Amino acid sequence: MMRYKNVEFRQSGVKDSNGYATDADRRSEIIAWNYNEDYDKETCYTLCWLETDKEGYYMKTIGDRYIEYEDMEALNHVTKYAMRSLNVQFEFEERQYY
């Protein structure tokens, strides 16, 4: 988990900054938080999913949410962290010897 401003990298099965843990089989994602006055708490929406294939992780955007997000500094910062972390984990797991 890594949050910078209102953008967060939420990894499968790991609690986010509000204490919510996603299911272990859910894709990792980059989310944006908004304060919702009606509920008096933060709510989030997904900007992109981070998926894997035989070469490593890649980003799958949802419509134009990623490119239209207002704080590109925070979004790029979190996305770089997430992709680097996941790809290091992927490389480690793929090169394990049993």
N, C-alpha and C. Protein backbone atom coordinates (compact mmCIF):
# COMPACT_ATOMS: atom_id res chain seq x y z
N MET A 1 0.84 -1.17 0.00
CA MET A 1 0.00 0.00 0.00
C MET A 1 0.88 1.23 0.00
N MET A 2 0.53 2.18 -0.82
CA MET A 2 1.24 3.45 -0.87
C MET A 2 0.26 4.53 -1.29
N ARG A 3 0.16 5.56 -0.46
CA ARG A 3 -0.73 6.67 -0.78
C ARG A 3 0.07 7.95 -0.82
N TYR A 4 -0.18 8.76 -1.85
CA TYR A 4 0.42 10.08 -1.97
C TYR A 4 -0.71 11.03 -2.33
N LYS A 5 -0.94 11.99 -1.47
CA LYS A 5 -2.08 12.90 -1.60
C LYS A 5 -3.36 12.08 -1.67
N ASN A 6 -4.15 12.19 -2.75
CA ASN A 6 -5.41 11.44 -2.85
C ASN A 6 -5.34 10.26 -3.80
N VAL A 7 -4.12 9.84 -4.14
CA VAL A 7 -3.94 8.70 -5.05
C VAL A 7 -3.28 7.57 -4.27
N GLU A 8 -3.77 6.35 -4.47
CA GLU A 8 -3.24 5.22 -3.71
C GLU A 8 -3.07 3.98 -4.59
N PHE A 9 -1.99 3.29 -4.33
CA PHE A 9 -1.75 1.96 -4.91
C PHE A 9 -2.35 0.97 -3.94
N ARG A 10 -3.37 0.24 -4.38
CA ARG A 10 -4.01 -0.75 -3.52
C ARG A 10 -3.68 -2.14 -4.07
N GLN A 11 -2.94 -2.89 -3.28
CA GLN A 11 -2.52 -4.23 -3.69
C GLN A 11 -3.50 -5.26 -3.17
N SER A 12 -3.68 -6.30 -3.94
CA SER A 12 -4.61 -7.37 -3.59
C SER A 12 -4.33 -7.92 -2.20
N GLY A 13 -5.37 -8.00 -1.37
CA GLY A 13 -5.26 -8.61 -0.06
C GLY A 13 -4.58 -7.77 1.01
N VAL A 14 -4.17 -6.55 0.68
CA VAL A 14 -3.47 -5.68 1.63
C VAL A 14 -4.39 -4.52 2.00
N LYS A 15 -4.44 -4.16 3.28
CA LYS A 15 -5.30 -3.06 3.72
C LYS A 15 -4.84 -1.74 3.12
N ASP A 16 -5.83 -0.93 2.70
CA ASP A 16 -5.52 0.39 2.17
C ASP A 16 -5.44 1.41 3.31
N SER A 17 -5.29 2.68 2.96
CA SER A 17 -5.10 3.72 3.98
C SER A 17 -6.33 3.93 4.86
N ASN A 18 -7.48 3.41 4.46
CA ASN A 18 -8.68 3.48 5.28
C ASN A 18 -9.00 2.16 5.96
N GLY A 19 -8.07 1.21 5.90
CA GLY A 19 -8.23 -0.05 6.61
C GLY A 19 -9.02 -1.12 5.88
N TYR A 20 -9.38 -0.87 4.64
CA TYR A 20 -10.16 -1.84 3.87
C TYR A 20 -9.21 -2.75 3.10
N ALA A 21 -9.36 -4.04 3.25
CA ALA A 21 -8.54 -5.00 2.51
C ALA A 21 -9.39 -5.62 1.40
N THR A 22 -8.86 -5.60 0.20
CA THR A 22 -9.55 -6.24 -0.92
C THR A 22 -9.31 -7.74 -0.87
N ASP A 23 -10.10 -8.49 -1.61
CA ASP A 23 -9.90 -9.93 -1.71
C ASP A 23 -8.55 -10.23 -2.34
N ALA A 24 -7.96 -11.33 -1.95
CA ALA A 24 -6.64 -11.70 -2.47
C ALA A 24 -6.66 -11.98 -3.97
N ASP A 25 -7.82 -12.35 -4.51
CA ASP A 25 -7.88 -12.63 -5.95
C ASP A 25 -8.27 -11.41 -6.79
N ARG A 26 -8.43 -10.28 -6.16
CA ARG A 26 -8.75 -9.05 -6.89
C ARG A 26 -7.47 -8.45 -7.47
N ARG A 27 -7.58 -7.83 -8.61
CA ARG A 27 -6.42 -7.19 -9.24
C ARG A 27 -5.92 -6.01 -8.41
N SER A 28 -4.62 -5.79 -8.44
CA SER A 28 -4.07 -4.57 -7.83
C SER A 28 -4.57 -3.39 -8.66
N GLU A 29 -4.64 -2.22 -8.03
CA GLU A 29 -5.21 -1.08 -8.73
C GLU A 29 -4.66 0.24 -8.19
N ILE A 30 -4.82 1.28 -8.98
CA ILE A 30 -4.54 2.64 -8.56
C ILE A 30 -5.90 3.29 -8.36
N ILE A 31 -6.11 3.84 -7.18
CA ILE A 31 -7.41 4.44 -6.86
C ILE A 31 -7.24 5.91 -6.50
N ALA A 32 -8.33 6.66 -6.63
CA ALA A 32 -8.38 8.06 -6.23
C ALA A 32 -9.41 8.20 -5.12
N TRP A 33 -9.04 8.92 -4.08
CA TRP A 33 -9.93 9.14 -2.95
C TRP A 33 -10.61 10.50 -3.05
N ASN A 34 -11.87 10.55 -2.66
CA ASN A 34 -12.65 11.79 -2.56
C ASN A 34 -13.36 11.78 -1.22
N TYR A 35 -13.45 12.96 -0.60
CA TYR A 35 -14.23 13.06 0.63
C TYR A 35 -15.71 13.21 0.25
N ASN A 36 -16.55 12.37 0.82
CA ASN A 36 -17.98 12.39 0.56
C ASN A 36 -18.68 12.95 1.79
N GLU A 37 -19.22 14.16 1.66
CA GLU A 37 -19.89 14.82 2.80
C GLU A 37 -21.13 14.07 3.25
N ASP A 38 -21.86 13.45 2.32
CA ASP A 38 -23.08 12.72 2.68
C ASP A 38 -22.78 11.56 3.63
N TYR A 39 -21.67 10.89 3.42
CA TYR A 39 -21.28 9.75 4.25
C TYR A 39 -20.28 10.13 5.34
N ASP A 40 -19.77 11.35 5.28
CA ASP A 40 -18.76 11.86 6.21
C ASP A 40 -17.53 10.94 6.25
N LYS A 41 -17.11 10.50 5.07
CA LYS A 41 -15.91 9.67 4.96
C LYS A 41 -15.40 9.72 3.53
N GLU A 42 -14.22 9.17 3.34
CA GLU A 42 -13.64 9.11 2.00
C GLU A 42 -14.23 7.93 1.23
N THR A 43 -14.45 8.14 -0.03
CA THR A 43 -14.83 7.07 -0.94
C THR A 43 -13.80 7.07 -2.08
N CYS A 44 -13.72 5.97 -2.80
CA CYS A 44 -12.71 5.89 -3.85
C CYS A 44 -13.30 5.35 -5.14
N TYR A 45 -12.55 5.56 -6.20
CA TYR A 45 -12.87 4.96 -7.48
C TYR A 45 -11.56 4.54 -8.15
N THR A 46 -11.64 3.55 -9.00
CA THR A 46 -10.46 2.98 -9.65
C THR A 46 -10.08 3.79 -10.88
N LEU A 47 -8.79 4.15 -10.96
CA LEU A 47 -8.25 4.84 -12.13
C LEU A 47 -7.71 3.84 -13.15
N CYS A 48 -7.07 2.78 -12.65
CA CYS A 48 -6.54 1.75 -13.54
C CYS A 48 -6.26 0.48 -12.74
N TRP A 49 -6.22 -0.63 -13.46
CA TRP A 49 -5.86 -1.91 -12.87
C TRP A 49 -4.43 -2.24 -13.26
N LEU A 50 -3.77 -3.01 -12.44
CA LEU A 50 -2.42 -3.47 -12.72
C LEU A 50 -2.50 -4.98 -12.87
N GLU A 51 -2.29 -5.44 -14.09
CA GLU A 51 -2.45 -6.85 -14.41
C GLU A 51 -1.11 -7.45 -14.82
N THR A 52 -1.07 -8.76 -14.85
CA THR A 52 0.18 -9.44 -15.18
C THR A 52 0.00 -10.40 -16.35
N ASP A 53 1.10 -10.59 -17.06
CA ASP A 53 1.17 -11.61 -18.10
C ASP A 53 2.54 -12.26 -18.00
N LYS A 54 2.96 -12.98 -19.00
CA LYS A 54 4.23 -13.71 -18.91
C LYS A 54 5.45 -12.79 -18.86
N GLU A 55 5.31 -11.54 -19.23
CA GLU A 55 6.44 -10.60 -19.22
C GLU A 55 6.50 -9.72 -17.99
N GLY A 56 5.44 -9.67 -17.22
CA GLY A 56 5.41 -8.82 -16.03
C GLY A 56 4.09 -8.10 -15.92
N TYR A 57 4.10 -6.98 -15.22
CA TYR A 57 2.88 -6.21 -14.99
C TYR A 57 2.70 -5.14 -16.05
N TYR A 58 1.45 -4.83 -16.33
CA TYR A 58 1.09 -3.74 -17.23
C TYR A 58 -0.14 -3.05 -16.68
N MET A 59 -0.39 -1.84 -17.15
CA MET A 59 -1.50 -1.04 -16.67
C MET A 59 -2.65 -1.11 -17.66
N LYS A 60 -3.85 -1.27 -17.12
CA LYS A 60 -5.06 -1.29 -17.93
C LYS A 60 -5.95 -0.16 -17.44
N THR A 61 -6.07 0.89 -18.24
CA THR A 61 -6.82 2.06 -17.82
C THR A 61 -8.31 1.85 -18.02
N ILE A 62 -9.08 2.67 -17.35
CA ILE A 62 -10.54 2.62 -17.43
C ILE A 62 -11.00 3.91 -18.11
N GLY A 63 -11.40 3.79 -19.35
CA GLY A 63 -11.82 4.98 -20.10
C GLY A 63 -10.72 6.03 -20.09
N ASP A 64 -11.10 7.28 -19.84
CA ASP A 64 -10.12 8.35 -19.78
C ASP A 64 -9.84 8.82 -18.34
N ARG A 65 -10.20 8.00 -17.36
CA ARG A 65 -10.00 8.38 -15.96
C ARG A 65 -8.53 8.70 -15.66
N TYR A 66 -7.63 7.88 -16.19
CA TYR A 66 -6.21 8.07 -15.90
C TYR A 66 -5.70 9.38 -16.50
N ILE A 67 -5.94 9.59 -17.78
CA ILE A 67 -5.38 10.78 -18.43
C ILE A 67 -6.09 12.07 -18.05
N GLU A 68 -7.30 11.98 -17.54
CA GLU A 68 -8.05 13.17 -17.15
C GLU A 68 -7.92 13.49 -15.65
N TYR A 69 -7.22 12.66 -14.88
CA TYR A 69 -7.09 12.92 -13.45
C TYR A 69 -6.37 14.25 -13.22
N GLU A 70 -6.85 15.05 -12.28
CA GLU A 70 -6.36 16.42 -12.12
C GLU A 70 -4.97 16.54 -11.51
N ASP A 71 -4.54 15.61 -10.70
CA ASP A 71 -3.23 15.70 -10.05
C ASP A 71 -2.27 14.67 -10.65
N MET A 72 -1.74 14.98 -11.83
CA MET A 72 -0.86 14.04 -12.53
C MET A 72 0.45 13.81 -11.78
N GLU A 73 0.90 14.78 -11.01
CA GLU A 73 2.13 14.57 -10.22
C GLU A 73 1.94 13.41 -9.25
N ALA A 74 0.87 13.44 -8.49
CA ALA A 74 0.60 12.38 -7.52
C ALA A 74 0.33 11.05 -8.25
N LEU A 75 -0.43 11.09 -9.32
CA LEU A 75 -0.77 9.88 -10.06
C LEU A 75 0.48 9.21 -10.63
N ASN A 76 1.35 9.99 -11.26
CA ASN A 76 2.57 9.42 -11.83
C ASN A 76 3.50 8.89 -10.74
N HIS A 77 3.59 9.59 -9.64
CA HIS A 77 4.42 9.16 -8.53
C HIS A 77 3.98 7.79 -8.00
N VAL A 78 2.70 7.64 -7.76
CA VAL A 78 2.16 6.39 -7.23
C VAL A 78 2.23 5.27 -8.26
N THR A 79 1.94 5.60 -9.51
CA THR A 79 1.97 4.57 -10.56
C THR A 79 3.38 4.02 -10.77
N LYS A 80 4.38 4.89 -10.78
CA LYS A 80 5.77 4.43 -10.91
C LYS A 80 6.14 3.51 -9.76
N TYR A 81 5.78 3.91 -8.55
CA TYR A 81 6.06 3.08 -7.38
C TYR A 81 5.39 1.71 -7.51
N ALA A 82 4.11 1.71 -7.90
CA ALA A 82 3.36 0.46 -8.00
C ALA A 82 3.94 -0.46 -9.06
N MET A 83 4.21 0.07 -10.23
CA MET A 83 4.74 -0.76 -11.32
C MET A 83 6.12 -1.32 -10.98
N ARG A 84 6.96 -0.50 -10.39
CA ARG A 84 8.29 -0.97 -10.01
C ARG A 84 8.20 -2.05 -8.94
N SER A 85 7.37 -1.83 -7.93
CA SER A 85 7.22 -2.80 -6.85
C SER A 85 6.67 -4.13 -7.36
N LEU A 86 5.63 -4.07 -8.16
CA LEU A 86 5.03 -5.30 -8.66
C LEU A 86 5.97 -6.05 -9.60
N ASN A 87 6.69 -5.33 -10.44
CA ASN A 87 7.60 -6.00 -11.37
C ASN A 87 8.81 -6.60 -10.66
N VAL A 88 9.28 -5.98 -9.59
CA VAL A 88 10.34 -6.59 -8.80
C VAL A 88 9.82 -7.88 -8.17
N GLN A 89 8.63 -7.84 -7.62
CA GLN A 89 8.01 -9.03 -7.03
C GLN A 89 7.84 -10.11 -8.09
N PHE A 90 7.38 -9.74 -9.28
CA PHE A 90 7.18 -10.69 -10.38
C PHE A 90 8.51 -11.34 -10.76
N GLU A 91 9.55 -10.55 -10.94
CA GLU A 91 10.86 -11.09 -11.31
C GLU A 91 11.40 -12.04 -10.25
N PHE A 92 11.21 -11.69 -9.00
CA PHE A 92 11.66 -12.54 -7.90
C PHE A 92 10.93 -13.88 -7.93
N GLU A 93 9.62 -13.86 -8.08
CA GLU A 93 8.83 -15.08 -8.09
C GLU A 93 9.12 -15.94 -9.32
N GLU A 94 9.35 -15.33 -10.46
CA GLU A 94 9.61 -16.08 -11.69
C GLU A 94 10.99 -16.74 -11.69
N ARG A 95 11.92 -16.20 -10.95
CA ARG A 95 13.28 -16.73 -10.94
C ARG A 95 13.57 -17.61 -9.72
N GLN A 96 12.53 -17.94 -8.98
CA GLN A 96 12.71 -18.83 -7.82
C GLN A 96 13.07 -20.23 -8.29
N TYR A 97 13.95 -20.84 -7.57
CA TYR A 97 14.33 -22.23 -7.85
C TYR A 97 13.75 -23.12 -6.76
N TYR A 98 13.14 -24.18 -7.15
CA TYR A 98 12.50 -25.08 -6.21
C TYR A 98 13.32 -26.34 -6.04
